[in-house]
PDB file of N, CA and C in Angstrom:
ATOM      1  N   MET A   1     123.034  39.122  72.420  1.00  0.00           N
ATOM      2  CA  MET A   1     122.894  39.950  71.378  1.00  0.00           C
ATOM      3  C   MET A   1     122.227  39.325  69.894  1.00  0.00           C
ATOM      4  N   ALA A   2     122.316  38.062  70.033  1.00  0.00           N
ATOM      5  CA  ALA A   2     121.982  37.534  68.834  1.00  0.00           C
ATOM      6  C   ALA A   2     120.258  37.456  68.724  1.00  0.00           C
ATOM      7  N   LYS A   3     119.670  37.145  70.034  1.00  0.00           N
ATOM      8  CA  LYS A   3     118.420  37.426  69.943  1.00  0.00           C
ATOM      9  C   LYS A   3     117.891  38.661  69.995  1.00  0.00           C
ATOM     10  N   ARG A   4     118.370  39.438  70.166  1.00  0.00           N
ATOM     11  CA  ARG A   4     118.224  41.049  70.062  1.00  0.00           C
ATOM     12  C   ARG A   4     117.903  41.527  68.872  1.00  0.00           C
ATOM     13  N   HIS A   5     118.736  40.855  68.290  1.00  0.00           N
ATOM     14  CA  HIS A   5     119.368  40.842  66.449  1.00  0.00           C
ATOM     15  C   HIS A   5     117.877  40.685  65.873  1.00  0.00           C
ATOM     16  N   GLU A   6     117.430  39.375  66.076  1.00  0.00           N
ATOM     17  CA  GLU A   6     116.226  38.372  65.993  1.00  0.00           C
ATOM     18  C   GLU A   6     115.066  38.666  65.793  1.00  0.00           C
ATOM     19  N   LYS A   7     114.636  39.833  67.144  1.00  0.00           N
ATOM     20  CA  LYS A   7     113.795  40.676  67.437  1.00  0.00           C
ATOM     21  C   LYS A   7     113.525  41.501  66.881  1.00  0.00           C
ATOM     22  N   VAL A   8     114.541  42.393  66.417  1.00  0.00           N
ATOM     23  CA  VAL A   8     114.283  43.638  65.711  1.00  0.00           C
ATOM     24  C   VAL A   8     114.157  42.837  63.880  1.00  0.00           C
ATOM     25  N   THR A   9     114.885  42.099  63.702  1.00  0.00           N
ATOM     26  CA  THR A   9     114.724  41.677  62.375  1.00  0.00           C
ATOM     27  C   THR A   9     113.042  41.299  62.118  1.00  0.00           C
ATOM     28  N   ASN A  10     112.856  40.454  62.829  1.00  0.00           N
ATOM     29  CA  ASN A  10     110.937  39.565  63.177  1.00  0.00           C
ATOM     30  C   ASN A  10     110.686  41.113  63.400  1.00  0.00           C
ATOM     31  N   LEU A  11     110.452  42.184  63.837  1.00  0.00           N
ATOM     32  CA  LEU A  11     109.497  42.981  63.684  1.00  0.00           C
ATOM     33  C   LEU A  11     109.968  44.461  62.362  1.00  0.00           C
ATOM     34  N   VAL A  12     110.766  44.252  62.495  1.00  0.00           N
ATOM     35  CA  VAL A  12     110.563  45.003  60.987  1.00  0.00           C
ATOM     36  C   VAL A  12     110.422  44.170  60.035  1.00  0.00           C
ATOM     37  N   ASN A  13     110.114  42.996  59.952  1.00  0.00           N
ATOM     38  CA  ASN A  13     109.884  42.403  58.883  1.00  0.00           C
ATOM     39  C   ASN A  13     108.027  42.550  58.834  1.00  0.00           C
ATOM     40  N   SER A  14     107.699  42.274  60.173  1.00  0.00           N
ATOM     41  CA  SER A  14     106.289  42.291  60.659  1.00  0.00           C
ATOM     42  C   SER A  14     105.469  43.330  60.135  1.00  0.00           C
ATOM     43  N   MET A  15     106.659  44.842  60.450  1.00  0.00           N
ATOM     44  CA  MET A  15     106.009  46.102  60.015  1.00  0.00           C
ATOM     45  C   MET A  15     106.148  46.295  58.390  1.00  0.00           C
ATOM     46  N   LEU A  16     106.442  45.456  57.736  1.00  0.00           N
ATOM     47  CA  LEU A  16     107.076  45.547  56.211  1.00  0.00           C
ATOM     48  C   LEU A  16     105.489  44.817  55.277  1.00  0.00           C
ATOM     49  N   ASP A  17     105.413  43.792  56.173  1.00  0.00           N
ATOM     50  CA  ASP A  17     104.244  42.635  55.952  1.00  0.00           C
ATOM     51  C   ASP A  17     102.865  43.619  55.979  1.00  0.00           C
ATOM     52  N   ALA A  18     102.937  44.173  57.337  1.00  0.00           N
ATOM     53  CA  ALA A  18     101.488  45.249  57.698  1.00  0.00           C
ATOM     54  C   ALA A  18     101.553  46.354  56.824  1.00  0.00           C
ATOM     55  N   GLU A  19     103.145  46.766  55.896  1.00  0.00           N
ATOM     56  CA  GLU A  19     102.664  48.061  55.276  1.00  0.00           C
ATOM     57  C   GLU A  19     102.206  47.409  53.963  1.00  0.00           C
ATOM     58  N   LYS A  20     102.667  46.362  53.387  1.00  0.00           N
ATOM     59  CA  LYS A  20     102.074  45.602  52.075  1.00  0.00           C
ATOM     60  C   LYS A  20     100.806  45.144  52.424  1.00  0.00           C
ATOM     61  N   ASN A  21     100.005  44.591  53.408  1.00  0.00           N
ATOM     62  CA  ASN A  21      98.971  44.106  53.466  1.00  0.00           C
ATOM     63  C   ASN A  21      97.912  45.663  53.408  1.00  0.00           C
ATOM     64  N   PHE A  22      98.579  46.509  54.214  1.00  0.00           N
ATOM     65  CA  PHE A  22      97.424  47.959  54.248  1.00  0.00           C
ATOM     66  C   PHE A  22      97.559  48.375  52.937  1.00  0.00           C
ATOM     67  N   TRP A  23      98.349  48.417  51.926  1.00  0.00           N
ATOM     68  CA  TRP A  23      98.590  48.876  50.571  1.00  0.00           C
ATOM     69  C   TRP A  23      97.628  47.981  49.483  1.00  0.00           C
ATOM     70  N   ASP A  24      97.793  46.384  49.581  1.00  0.00           N
ATOM     71  CA  ASP A  24      97.280  45.522  48.759  1.00  0.00           C
ATOM     72  C   ASP A  24      95.622  46.041  48.951  1.00  0.00           C
ATOM     73  N   LEU A  25      95.121  46.110  50.548  1.00  0.00           N
ATOM     74  CA  LEU A  25      93.820  45.988  50.770  1.00  0.00           C
ATOM     75  C   LEU A  25      93.256  47.438  50.535  1.00  0.00           C
ATOM     76  N   PHE A  26      93.878  48.729  50.762  1.00  0.00           N
ATOM     77  CA  PHE A  26      93.784  50.110  50.303  1.00  0.00           C
ATOM     78  C   PHE A  26      93.529  50.480  48.639  1.00  0.00           C
ATOM     79  N   LEU A  27      94.181  49.737  48.194  1.00  0.00           N
ATOM     80  CA  LEU A  27      94.481  49.820  46.177  1.00  0.00           C
ATOM     81  C   LEU A  27      93.329  48.875  46.185  1.00  0.00           C
ATOM     82  N   ASP A  28      92.698  48.002  46.771  1.00  0.00           N
ATOM     83  CA  ASP A  28      91.564  47.368  46.253  1.00  0.00           C
ATOM     84  C   ASP A  28      90.117  48.933  46.099  1.00  0.00           C
ATOM     85  N   PHE A  29      90.469  49.408  46.980  1.00  0.00           N
ATOM     86  CA  PHE A  29      89.349  50.549  46.754  1.00  0.00           C
ATOM     87  C   PHE A  29      89.252  52.069  46.409  1.00  0.00           C
ATOM     88  N   VAL A  30      90.636  51.807  45.922  1.00  0.00           N
ATOM     89  CA  VAL A  30      91.098  53.024  44.264  1.00  0.00           C
ATOM     90  C   VAL A  30      90.707  52.569  43.392  1.00  0.00           C
ATOM     91  N   PRO A  31      90.462  53.777  42.429  1.00  0.00           N
ATOM     92  CA  PRO A  31      90.027  53.774  41.425  1.00  0.00           C
ATOM     93  C   PRO A  31      91.150  53.737  40.563  1.00  0.00           C
ATOM     94  N   GLN A  32      90.511  53.151  39.459  1.00  0.00           N
ATOM     95  CA  GLN A  32      92.251  52.940  38.482  1.00  0.00           C
ATOM     96  C   GLN A  32      93.042  53.987  37.864  1.00  0.00           C
ATOM     97  N   GLU A  33      92.375  55.104  37.899  1.00  0.00           N
ATOM     98  CA  GLU A  33      93.011  56.128  37.622  1.00  0.00           C
ATOM     99  C   GLU A  33      94.148  56.955  38.977  1.00  0.00           C
ATOM    100  N   ALA A  34      93.711  57.076  39.921  1.00  0.00           N
ATOM    101  CA  ALA A  34      94.464  57.058  41.102  1.00  0.00           C
ATOM    102  C   ALA A  34      95.856  55.983  41.543  1.00  0.00           C
ATOM    103  N   LYS A  35      95.653  54.887  40.860  1.00  0.00           N
ATOM    104  CA  LYS A  35      96.291  53.772  40.869  1.00  0.00           C
ATOM    105  C   LYS A  35      97.437  54.654  40.481  1.00  0.00           C
ATOM    106  N   LYS A  36      96.927  54.890  38.994  1.00  0.00           N
ATOM    107  CA  LYS A  36      98.143  55.491  38.112  1.00  0.00           C
ATOM    108  C   LYS A  36      98.689  56.597  38.786  1.00  0.00           C
ATOM    109  N   HIS A  37      97.907  57.619  39.429  1.00  0.00           N
ATOM    110  CA  HIS A  37      98.906  58.734  39.951  1.00  0.00           C
ATOM    111  C   HIS A  37      99.725  58.184  40.947  1.00  0.00           C
ATOM    112  N   LEU A  38      99.594  56.633  41.814  1.00  0.00           N
ATOM    113  CA  LEU A  38     100.276  56.711  42.799  1.00  0.00           C
ATOM    114  C   LEU A  38     101.258  56.073  42.173  1.00  0.00           C
ATOM    115  N   LYS A  39     101.572  55.267  41.369  1.00  0.00           N
ATOM    116  CA  LYS A  39     102.564  54.594  41.006  1.00  0.00           C
ATOM    117  C   LYS A  39     103.465  55.478  40.187  1.00  0.00           C
ATOM    118  N   ALA A  40     103.104  56.885  39.496  1.00  0.00           N
ATOM    119  CA  ALA A  40     103.841  57.268  38.880  1.00  0.00           C
ATOM    120  C   ALA A  40     104.493  58.596  40.067  1.00  0.00           C
ATOM    121  N   ALA A  41     103.792  58.658  41.014  1.00  0.00           N
ATOM    122  CA  ALA A  41     104.160  59.227  42.437  1.00  0.00           C
ATOM    123  C   ALA A  41     105.581  58.478  43.119  1.00  0.00           C
ATOM    124  N   ARG A  42     105.229  57.114  43.046  1.00  0.00           N
ATOM    125  CA  ARG A  42     106.562  56.614  43.654  1.00  0.00           C
ATOM    126  C   ARG A  42     107.542  56.612  42.390  1.00  0.00           C
ATOM    127  N   LYS A  43     107.322  56.525  41.422  1.00  0.00           N
ATOM    128  CA  LYS A  43     108.350  56.193  40.088  1.00  0.00           C
ATOM    129  C   LYS A  43     109.169  57.516  40.587  1.00  0.00           C
ATOM    130  N   GLU A  44     108.431  58.849  40.748  1.00  0.00           N
ATOM    131  CA  GLU A  44     109.380  60.043  40.848  1.00  0.00           C
ATOM    132  C   GLU A  44     110.124  60.184  42.437  1.00  0.00           C
ATOM    133  N   LYS A  45     109.707  59.504  43.141  1.00  0.00           N
ATOM    134  CA  LYS A  45     110.517  59.563  44.631  1.00  0.00           C
ATOM    135  C   LYS A  45     111.396  58.449  44.561  1.00  0.00           C
ATOM    136  N   LEU A  46     111.259  57.502  43.650  1.00  0.00           N
ATOM    137  CA  LEU A  46     112.745  56.631  43.530  1.00  0.00           C
ATOM    138  C   LEU A  46     113.812  57.340  42.643  1.00  0.00           C
ATOM    139  N   MET A  47     113.117  58.142  41.455  1.00  0.00           N
ATOM    140  CA  MET A  47     114.202  59.152  40.786  1.00  0.00           C
ATOM    141  C   MET A  47     114.773  60.010  41.263  1.00  0.00           C
ATOM    142  N   ALA A  48     114.406  60.725  42.489  1.00  0.00           N
ATOM    143  CA  ALA A  48     114.481  61.948  43.588  1.00  0.00           C
ATOM    144  C   ALA A  48     116.030  61.207  44.153  1.00  0.00           C
ATOM    145  N   LEU A  49     115.552  59.816  44.732  1.00  0.00           N
ATOM    146  CA  LEU A  49     116.485  58.839  45.241  1.00  0.00           C
ATOM    147  C   LEU A  49     117.811  58.843  44.602  1.00  0.00           C
ATOM    148  N   ARG A  50     117.343  58.558  43.452  1.00  0.00           N
ATOM    149  CA  ARG A  50     118.504  57.975  42.203  1.00  0.00           C
ATOM    150  C   ARG A  50     119.282  59.359  42.124  1.00  0.00           C
ATOM    151  N   SER A  51     118.995  60.265  42.044  1.00  0.00           N
ATOM    152  CA  SER A  51     120.084  61.754  41.600  1.00  0.00           C
ATOM    153  C   SER A  51     120.408  61.879  42.882  1.00  0.00           C
ATOM    154  N   ILE A  52     119.883  62.165  44.286  1.00  0.00           N
ATOM    155  CA  ILE A  52     120.259  62.021  45.407  1.00  0.00           C
ATOM    156  C   ILE A  52     121.950  61.179  45.691  1.00  0.00           C
ATOM    157  N   LEU A  53     121.330  60.081  45.300  1.00  0.00           N
ATOM    158  CA  LEU A  53     122.587  58.964  45.460  1.00  0.00           C
ATOM    159  C   LEU A  53     123.568  59.417  44.050  1.00  0.00           C
ATOM    160  N   ASP A  54     123.371  59.734  43.049  1.00  0.00           N
ATOM    161  CA  ASP A  54     124.293  60.516  42.219  1.00  0.00           C
ATOM    162  C   ASP A  54     125.572  61.057  41.996  1.00  0.00           C
ATOM    163  N   ALA A  55     124.686  62.404  42.767  1.00  0.00           N
ATOM    164  CA  ALA A  55     125.454  63.144  43.317  1.00  0.00           C
ATOM    165  C   ALA A  55     126.091  63.006  44.529  1.00  0.00           C
ATOM    166  N   LYS A  56     126.010  62.295  45.510  1.00  0.00           N
ATOM    167  CA  LYS A  56     126.944  61.756  46.147  1.00  0.00           C
ATOM    168  C   LYS A  56     128.045  61.040  45.715  1.00  0.00           C
ATOM    169  N   ILE A  57     128.030  60.286  45.119  1.00  0.00           N
ATOM    170  CA  ILE A  57     128.656  59.534  44.297  1.00  0.00           C
ATOM    171  C   ILE A  57     129.718  60.131  43.824  1.00  0.00           C
ATOM    172  N   GLU A  58     129.290  61.270  42.638  1.00  0.00           N
ATOM    173  CA  GLU A  58     129.950  62.139  41.992  1.00  0.00           C
ATOM    174  C   GLU A  58     131.057  63.079  42.764  1.00  0.00           C
ATOM    175  N   HIS A  59     130.556  63.511  44.039  1.00  0.00           N
ATOM    176  CA  HIS A  59     131.113  64.364  45.283  1.00  0.00           C
ATOM    177  C   HIS A  59     132.156  63.473  46.044  1.00  0.00           C
ATOM    178  N   LEU A  60     131.895  62.579  45.872  1.00  0.00           N
ATOM    179  CA  LEU A  60     132.746  61.636  46.317  1.00  0.00           C
ATOM    180  C   LEU A  60     134.087  60.939  45.437  1.00  0.00           C
ATOM    181  N   GLU A  61     133.467  61.234  44.430  1.00  0.00           N
ATOM    182  CA  GLU A  61     134.528  60.584  42.861  1.00  0.00           C
ATOM    183  C   GLU A  61     135.273  62.058  42.838  1.00  0.00           C
ATOM    184  N   GLU A  62     134.979  63.060  43.337  1.00  0.00           N
ATOM    185  CA  GLU A  62     135.602  64.398  43.256  1.00  0.00           C
ATOM    186  C   GLU A  62     136.474  64.804  44.125  1.00  0.00           C
ATOM    187  N   ASP A  63     136.196  64.443  45.270  1.00  0.00           N
ATOM    188  CA  ASP A  63     137.350  64.215  46.617  1.00  0.00           C
ATOM    189  C   ASP A  63     138.876  63.549  46.251  1.00  0.00           C
ATOM    190  N   GLU A  64     137.969  62.210  45.299  1.00  0.00           N
ATOM    191  CA  GLU A  64     139.038  61.371  45.294  1.00  0.00           C
ATOM    192  C   GLU A  64     140.227  61.825  44.410  1.00  0.00           C
ATOM    193  N   LYS A  65     139.681  62.375  43.148  1.00  0.00           N
ATOM    194  CA  LYS A  65     140.520  62.698  42.384  1.00  0.00           C
ATOM    195  C   LYS A  65     141.556  64.194  42.958  1.00  0.00           C
ATOM    196  N   LYS A  66     140.966  64.741  43.682  1.00  0.00           N
ATOM    197  CA  LYS A  66     141.508  65.902  44.397  1.00  0.00           C
ATOM    198  C   LYS A  66     142.796  65.297  45.440  1.00  0.00           C
ATOM    199  N   ALA A  67     142.500  64.598  45.704  1.00  0.00           N
ATOM    200  CA  ALA A  67     143.464  63.232  46.717  1.00  0.00           C
ATOM    201  C   ALA A  67     144.639  62.577  45.992  1.00  0.00           C
ATOM    202  N   SER A  68     144.046  62.361  44.658  1.00  0.00           N
ATOM    203  CA  SER A  68     144.871  62.022  44.143  1.00  0.00           C
ATOM    204  C   SER A  68     146.337  63.063  43.576  1.00  0.00           C
ATOM    205  N   LYS A  69     145.288  63.849  43.223  1.00  0.00           N
ATOM    206  CA  LYS A  69     146.357  64.917  43.073  1.00  0.00           C
ATOM    207  C   LYS A  69     147.378  65.816  43.449  1.00  0.00           C
ATOM    208  N   LYS A  70     146.612  66.045  44.564  1.00  0.00           N
ATOM    209  CA  LYS A  70     148.201  65.980  45.805  1.00  0.00           C
ATOM    210  C   LYS A  70     149.250  65.225  46.105  1.00  0.00           C
ATOM    211  N   GLY A  71     148.891  64.273  45.617  1.00  0.00           N
ATOM    212  CA  GLY A  71     150.335  63.791  45.875  1.00  0.00           C
ATOM    213  C   GLY A  71     150.852  63.314  47.289  1.00  0.00           C
ATOM    214  N   PRO A  72     151.947  62.732  47.781  1.00  0.00           N
ATOM    215  CA  PRO A  72     152.351  62.849  49.737  1.00  0.00           C
ATOM    216  C   PRO A  72     152.430  64.216  50.089  1.00  0.00           C
ATOM    217  N   GLN A  73     152.114  64.364  51.167  1.00  0.00           N
ATOM    218  CA  GLN A  73     152.281  65.418  51.732  1.00  0.00           C
ATOM    219  C   GLN A  73     153.447  65.378  52.850  1.00  0.00           C
ATOM    220  N   LYS A  74     153.974  66.452  53.393  1.00  0.00           N
ATOM    221  CA  LYS A  74     154.837  66.029  54.736  1.00  0.00           C
ATOM    222  C   LYS A  74     154.265  66.460  55.636  1.00  0.00           C
ATOM    223  N   VAL A  75     153.866  65.623  56.820  1.00  0.00           N
ATOM    224  CA  VAL A  75     153.362  65.836  57.863  1.00  0.00           C
ATOM    225  C   VAL A  75     154.698  66.069  59.008  1.00  0.00           C
ATOM    226  N   LYS A  76     154.324  67.217  59.831  1.00  0.00           N
ATOM    227  CA  LYS A  76     155.232  67.463  60.816  1.00  0.00           C
ATOM    228  C   LYS A  76     154.856  66.050  62.159  1.00  0.00           C
ATOM    229  N   VAL A  77     156.134  65.674  62.672  1.00  0.00           N
ATOM    230  CA  VAL A  77     156.479  64.985  63.536  1.00  0.00           C
ATOM    231  C   VAL A  77     156.760  65.802  64.743  1.00  0.00           C
ATOM    232  N   GLN A  78     156.438  65.867  65.819  1.00  0.00           N
ATOM    233  CA  GLN A  78     156.761  66.158  66.879  1.00  0.00           C
ATOM    234  C   GLN A  78     157.965  64.836  68.202  1.00  0.00           C
TER     235      GLN A  78
END
């Protein structure tokens, strides 16, 4: 099992390296103005992800508050 995990890890790392190499090469041919827009788009995607995470965290915290307000509950045992 460890060997399989190592293969998957190596594959993922290779894919990440390939992506980085692609973008490094691609950006060599992209005008500066386009680079500026691509950077702004990346920032927007990250901010969107942060908003999603914040909403999920808030939802979990609300659930915890509701659960703590209920107190102990009776459970019918057969």
